[in-house]
Amino acid sequence: MDGKQLAESVRRKVKEFTKLCAGIDEGTASRAPAGRWSPKQIVSHLCGPEGVSPVSAFRVIIEKDIPEIHIEPGNPFFSDARSKTSFADLLREFEKIYEERADFIAGLQPEQLGRKGHIPALKDSPLGEYPTLGALVQGIGEYHLSSHIDHLREILAALGASPKS
């Protein structure tokens, strides 16, 4: 896929996720089944760490020769500030972050998408620990966002809320 196709893939998944979130009220968004994340924590996780540029890892892969990128799978990044943020505002933050990513990705050339990063946390994943930027972006859109769409559906069902399709 080229940059524009990858960006559109990410945008489609973001739209699917936000559609699923439509109608989730603040009470439901803040509840979690035992041992699971709440809808707010899922959105927070997808937003990533606070204060980090949504495209910083992409830029570093383009600018450096096989840079090491540290990610924290399983971290909801659910700070005190995010816990006090409304679900609607957190969802807007998610949309803004992914739109910035998609806009950046859309402008990338094939040689940029072919650059590799070293991501030790992905060693045992289908991407492997040395994914190209294009594969990483595709993994974010096709795997990561998809898995959290399914995750959110499971959480809403466990909470007795009606998930949107």
C-alpha atoms as a PDB file:
ATOM      1  CA  MET A   1       0.000   0.000   0.000  1.00  0.00           C
ATOM      2  CA  ASP A   2       1.127   3.553  -0.601  1.00  0.00           C
ATOM      3  CA  GLY A   3       0.853   6.353   1.964  1.00  0.00           C
ATOM      4  CA  LYS A   4      -2.578   7.497   0.821  1.00  0.00           C
ATOM      5  CA  GLN A   5      -3.988   3.960   0.949  1.00  0.00           C
ATOM      6  CA  LEU A   6      -2.509   3.371   4.418  1.00  0.00           C
ATOM      7  CA  ALA A   7      -3.939   6.687   5.629  1.00  0.00           C
ATOM      8  CA  GLU A   8      -7.389   5.776   4.316  1.00  0.00           C
ATOM      9  CA  SER A   9      -7.185   2.379   6.006  1.00  0.00           C
ATOM     10  CA  VAL A  10      -6.436   4.087   9.326  1.00  0.00           C
ATOM     11  CA  ARG A  11      -9.240   6.601   8.783  1.00  0.00           C
ATOM     12  CA  ARG A  12     -11.739   3.793   8.090  1.00  0.00           C
ATOM     13  CA  LYS A  13     -10.818   2.039  11.348  1.00  0.00           C
ATOM     14  CA  VAL A  14     -11.030   5.311  13.293  1.00  0.00           C
ATOM     15  CA  LYS A  15     -14.491   5.915  11.835  1.00  0.00           C
ATOM     16  CA  GLU A  16     -15.545   2.379  12.777  1.00  0.00           C
ATOM     17  CA  PHE A  17     -14.251   2.879  16.329  1.00  0.00           C
ATOM     18  CA  THR A  18     -15.919   6.274  16.800  1.00  0.00           C
ATOM     19  CA  LYS A  19     -19.200   4.906  15.429  1.00  0.00           C
ATOM     20  CA  LEU A  20     -19.027   2.147  18.033  1.00  0.00           C
ATOM     21  CA  CYS A  21     -18.493   4.815  20.707  1.00  0.00           C
ATOM     22  CA  ALA A  22     -21.529   6.837  19.625  1.00  0.00           C
ATOM     23  CA  GLY A  23     -24.075   6.945  22.381  1.00  0.00           C
ATOM     24  CA  ILE A  24     -21.798   5.675  25.161  1.00  0.00           C
ATOM     25  CA  ASP A  25     -22.685   7.833  28.131  1.00  0.00           C
ATOM     26  CA  GLU A  26     -20.200   9.006  30.746  1.00  0.00           C
ATOM     27  CA  GLY A  27     -21.376   6.458  33.301  1.00  0.00           C
ATOM     28  CA  THR A  28     -20.885   3.518  30.951  1.00  0.00           C
ATOM     29  CA  ALA A  29     -17.593   4.945  29.664  1.00  0.00           C
ATOM     30  CA  SER A  30     -16.181   5.000  33.191  1.00  0.00           C
ATOM     31  CA  ARG A  31     -17.285   1.483  34.190  1.00  0.00           C
ATOM     32  CA  ALA A  32     -15.279  -1.675  33.656  1.00  0.00           C
ATOM     33  CA  PRO A  33     -16.009  -5.362  34.111  1.00  0.00           C
ATOM     34  CA  ALA A  34     -13.815  -6.970  36.784  1.00  0.00           C
ATOM     35  CA  GLY A  35     -10.218  -7.151  35.639  1.00  0.00           C
ATOM     36  CA  ARG A  36     -10.892  -5.346  32.341  1.00  0.00           C
ATOM     37  CA  TRP A  37     -10.518  -1.831  31.002  1.00  0.00           C
ATOM     38  CA  SER A  38     -13.316   0.718  30.844  1.00  0.00           C
ATOM     39  CA  PRO A  39     -14.236   2.309  27.508  1.00  0.00           C
ATOM     40  CA  LYS A  40     -12.385   5.460  28.657  1.00  0.00           C
ATOM     41  CA  GLN A  41      -9.260   3.419  29.353  1.00  0.00           C
ATOM     42  CA  ILE A  42      -9.453   1.841  25.888  1.00  0.00           C
ATOM     43  CA  VAL A  43      -9.647   5.277  24.256  1.00  0.00           C
ATOM     44  CA  SER A  44      -6.833   6.524  26.495  1.00  0.00           C
ATOM     45  CA  HIS A  45      -4.680   3.562  25.461  1.00  0.00           C
ATOM     46  CA  LEU A  46      -5.307   4.329  21.796  1.00  0.00           C
ATOM     47  CA  CYS A  47      -4.329   7.960  22.406  1.00  0.00           C
ATOM     48  CA  GLY A  48      -1.003   6.807  23.815  1.00  0.00           C
ATOM     49  CA  PRO A  49       1.160   8.634  26.318  1.00  0.00           C
ATOM     50  CA  GLU A  50       0.280  12.245  27.012  1.00  0.00           C
ATOM     51  CA  GLY A  51       2.585  14.912  25.650  1.00  0.00           C
ATOM     52  CA  VAL A  52       4.054  12.716  22.894  1.00  0.00           C
ATOM     53  CA  SER A  53       3.612  13.770  19.271  1.00  0.00           C
ATOM     54  CA  PRO A  54       1.319  11.348  17.438  1.00  0.00           C
ATOM     55  CA  VAL A  55       3.885  11.083  14.636  1.00  0.00           C
ATOM     56  CA  SER A  56       7.161  11.204  16.587  1.00  0.00           C
ATOM     57  CA  ALA A  57       7.906   7.478  16.160  1.00  0.00           C
ATOM     58  CA  PHE A  58       7.137   7.709  12.435  1.00  0.00           C
ATOM     59  CA  ARG A  59       9.457  10.704  12.036  1.00  0.00           C
ATOM     60  CA  VAL A  60      12.309   9.045  13.905  1.00  0.00           C
ATOM     61  CA  ILE A  61      12.048   5.944  11.668  1.00  0.00           C
ATOM     62  CA  ILE A  62      12.306   8.203   8.607  1.00  0.00           C
ATOM     63  CA  GLU A  63      15.158  10.304   9.993  1.00  0.00           C
ATOM     64  CA  LYS A  64      17.388   7.677  11.633  1.00  0.00           C
ATOM     65  CA  ASP A  65      18.856   4.380  10.519  1.00  0.00           C
ATOM     66  CA  ILE A  66      16.834   1.614  12.235  1.00  0.00           C
ATOM     67  CA  PRO A  67      16.094   3.544  15.448  1.00  0.00           C
ATOM     68  CA  GLU A  68      14.958   1.711  18.540  1.00  0.00           C
ATOM     69  CA  ILE A  69      11.358   2.580  19.379  1.00  0.00           C
ATOM     70  CA  HIS A  70       9.954   1.766  22.804  1.00  0.00           C
ATOM     71  CA  ILE A  71       6.254   1.040  23.113  1.00  0.00           C
ATOM     72  CA  GLU A  72       4.286  -0.173  26.108  1.00  0.00           C
ATOM     73  CA  PRO A  73       1.725  -2.772  25.045  1.00  0.00           C
ATOM     74  CA  GLY A  74      -0.992  -3.150  27.633  1.00  0.00           C
ATOM     75  CA  ASN A  75      -0.507   0.297  29.161  1.00  0.00           C
ATOM     76  CA  PRO A  76      -3.796   2.231  29.179  1.00  0.00           C
ATOM     77  CA  PHE A  77      -1.955   5.563  29.766  1.00  0.00           C
ATOM     78  CA  PHE A  78      -4.914   6.427  31.981  1.00  0.00           C
ATOM     79  CA  SER A  79      -3.599   9.373  33.948  1.00  0.00           C
ATOM     80  CA  ASP A  80      -5.458  11.349  36.585  1.00  0.00           C
ATOM     81  CA  ALA A  81      -6.041  14.087  33.982  1.00  0.00           C
ATOM     82  CA  ARG A  82      -7.526  11.621  31.515  1.00  0.00           C
ATOM     83  CA  SER A  83      -9.711  10.064  34.202  1.00  0.00           C
ATOM     84  CA  LYS A  84     -11.209  13.535  34.752  1.00  0.00           C
ATOM     85  CA  THR A  85     -11.660  14.201  31.030  1.00  0.00           C
ATOM     86  CA  SER A  86     -15.113  13.540  29.637  1.00  0.00           C
ATOM     87  CA  PHE A  87     -15.514  10.559  27.345  1.00  0.00           C
ATOM     88  CA  ALA A  88     -16.572  12.880  24.499  1.00  0.00           C
ATOM     89  CA  ASP A  89     -13.424  15.006  24.928  1.00  0.00           C
ATOM     90  CA  LEU A  90     -11.196  11.936  25.141  1.00  0.00           C
ATOM     91  CA  LEU A  91     -12.787  10.599  21.965  1.00  0.00           C
ATOM     92  CA  ARG A  92     -12.133  13.945  20.229  1.00  0.00           C
ATOM     93  CA  GLU A  93      -8.486  13.691  21.328  1.00  0.00           C
ATOM     94  CA  PHE A  94      -8.327  10.177  19.828  1.00  0.00           C
ATOM     95  CA  GLU A  95      -9.798  11.425  16.535  1.00  0.00           C
ATOM     96  CA  LYS A  96      -7.361  14.356  16.412  1.00  0.00           C
ATOM     97  CA  ILE A  97      -4.343  12.112  17.075  1.00  0.00           C
ATOM     98  CA  TYR A  98      -5.296   9.620  14.381  1.00  0.00           C
ATOM     99  CA  GLU A  99      -6.170  12.339  11.865  1.00  0.00           C
ATOM    100  CA  GLU A 100      -2.718  13.846  12.418  1.00  0.00           C
ATOM    101  CA  ARG A 101      -1.188  10.397  11.896  1.00  0.00           C
ATOM    102  CA  ALA A 102      -3.247   9.774   8.752  1.00  0.00           C
ATOM    103  CA  ASP A 103      -2.359  13.195   7.300  1.00  0.00           C
ATOM    104  CA  PHE A 104       1.343  12.507   7.927  1.00  0.00           C
ATOM    105  CA  ILE A 105       1.172   8.985   6.485  1.00  0.00           C
ATOM    106  CA  ALA A 106      -0.679  10.147   3.358  1.00  0.00           C
ATOM    107  CA  GLY A 107       2.300  12.275   2.344  1.00  0.00           C
ATOM    108  CA  LEU A 108       4.934   9.566   2.681  1.00  0.00           C
ATOM    109  CA  GLN A 109       6.870   8.206  -0.269  1.00  0.00           C
ATOM    110  CA  PRO A 110       7.502   4.477  -0.841  1.00  0.00           C
ATOM    111  CA  GLU A 111      11.130   4.746   0.260  1.00  0.00           C
ATOM    112  CA  GLN A 112      10.025   6.344   3.538  1.00  0.00           C
ATOM    113  CA  LEU A 113       7.444   3.618   4.123  1.00  0.00           C
ATOM    114  CA  GLY A 114      10.187   1.061   3.516  1.00  0.00           C
ATOM    115  CA  ARG A 115      12.422   2.388   6.309  1.00  0.00           C
ATOM    116  CA  LYS A 116      12.766   0.106   9.323  1.00  0.00           C
ATOM    117  CA  GLY A 117      12.592   0.625  13.039  1.00  0.00           C
ATOM    118  CA  HIS A 118      13.656  -1.648  15.869  1.00  0.00           C
ATOM    119  CA  ILE A 119      10.688  -2.243  18.171  1.00  0.00           C
ATOM    120  CA  PRO A 120      11.636  -4.943  20.704  1.00  0.00           C
ATOM    121  CA  ALA A 121       8.086  -5.125  22.104  1.00  0.00           C
ATOM    122  CA  LEU A 122       6.899  -6.448  18.714  1.00  0.00           C
ATOM    123  CA  LYS A 123       9.430  -9.273  18.595  1.00  0.00           C
ATOM    124  CA  ASP A 124       6.827 -12.019  19.029  1.00  0.00           C
ATOM    125  CA  SER A 125       4.153 -10.303  16.925  1.00  0.00           C
ATOM    126  CA  PRO A 126       3.437 -10.949  13.239  1.00  0.00           C
ATOM    127  CA  LEU A 127       5.286  -7.686  12.464  1.00  0.00           C
ATOM    128  CA  GLY A 128       8.500  -8.820  14.115  1.00  0.00           C
ATOM    129  CA  GLU A 129      10.886  -6.540  15.908  1.00  0.00           C
ATOM    130  CA  TYR A 130      12.187  -4.805  12.741  1.00  0.00           C
ATOM    131  CA  PRO A 131       9.045  -3.695  10.879  1.00  0.00           C
ATOM    132  CA  THR A 132       9.044  -1.242   8.024  1.00  0.00           C
ATOM    133  CA  LEU A 133       7.170   1.975   8.644  1.00  0.00           C
ATOM    134  CA  GLY A 134       4.529   0.853   6.138  1.00  0.00           C
ATOM    135  CA  ALA A 135       4.036  -2.459   7.958  1.00  0.00           C
ATOM    136  CA  LEU A 136       3.883  -0.653  11.304  1.00  0.00           C
ATOM    137  CA  VAL A 137       1.192   1.721  10.050  1.00  0.00           C
ATOM    138  CA  GLN A 138      -0.744  -1.172   8.544  1.00  0.00           C
ATOM    139  CA  GLY A 139      -0.416  -3.025  11.859  1.00  0.00           C
ATOM    140  CA  ILE A 140      -1.791  -0.018  13.717  1.00  0.00           C
ATOM    141  CA  GLY A 141      -4.776   0.225  11.374  1.00  0.00           C
ATOM    142  CA  GLU A 142      -5.552  -3.358  10.605  1.00  0.00           C
ATOM    143  CA  TYR A 143      -4.534  -5.085  13.814  1.00  0.00           C
ATOM    144  CA  HIS A 144      -4.297  -2.663  16.725  1.00  0.00           C
ATOM    145  CA  LEU A 145      -7.398  -0.576  16.038  1.00  0.00           C
ATOM    146  CA  SER A 146      -9.357  -3.673  14.968  1.00  0.00           C
ATOM    147  CA  SER A 147      -8.423  -5.513  18.149  1.00  0.00           C
ATOM    148  CA  HIS A 148      -9.649  -2.603  20.269  1.00  0.00           C
ATOM    149  CA  ILE A 149     -12.878  -2.363  18.289  1.00  0.00           C
ATOM    150  CA  ASP A 150     -13.474  -5.998  19.244  1.00  0.00           C
ATOM    151  CA  HIS A 151     -12.241  -5.256  22.786  1.00  0.00           C
ATOM    152  CA  LEU A 152     -14.726  -2.394  23.173  1.00  0.00           C
ATOM    153  CA  ARG A 153     -17.586  -4.549  21.868  1.00  0.00           C
ATOM    154  CA  GLU A 154     -16.738  -7.197  24.501  1.00  0.00           C
ATOM    155  CA  ILE A 155     -16.597  -4.585  27.268  1.00  0.00           C
ATOM    156  CA  LEU A 156     -19.914  -3.022  26.266  1.00  0.00           C
ATOM    157  CA  ALA A 157     -21.558  -6.447  26.125  1.00  0.00           C
ATOM    158  CA  ALA A 158     -20.169  -7.318  29.575  1.00  0.00           C
ATOM    159  CA  LEU A 159     -21.535  -4.008  30.903  1.00  0.00           C
ATOM    160  CA  GLY A 160     -24.941  -4.720  29.380  1.00  0.00           C
ATOM    161  CA  ALA A 161     -24.633  -1.750  27.043  1.00  0.00           C
ATOM    162  CA  SER A 162     -25.720  -2.074  23.427  1.00  0.00           C
ATOM    163  CA  PRO A 163     -22.680  -1.752  21.189  1.00  0.00           C
ATOM    164  CA  LYS A 164     -23.166   0.113  17.911  1.00  0.00           C
ATOM    165  CA  SER A 165     -22.305  -1.749  14.742  1.00  0.00           C
END
